[in-house]
């Protein structure tokens, strides 16, 4: 079975060596994790849905995003699929947050 664009664990060709150094999470990464946990606790998304959303992501987009950026994009896809939010509602809220707090 050929590897999907998301299946890069253990390869050095596509992902390079694994960075095993300790690193401090950014505030937005902690918030991404909190949103993920809240959506799970409310039964809005399951872990397998989040994985499916990442696996179905455009290959070029997938490779351009960081770990938590993939989480955010996947949660957005799930919320739109389930008609909980629209692209426009998400974009409008992001613009509000960027105006108030600045771009990340």
Foldseek 3Di string as FASTA:
>chain_A
DDDALVPCPPPCPQPHDDDPDDDDDDPVLVVLVVVVVVCVVVVLDDPVQLVVLLRPPDSVVSSVDDPSVSSVSSVVVSCVVVVVDHPVRVVVVVVVCCVVPNDD
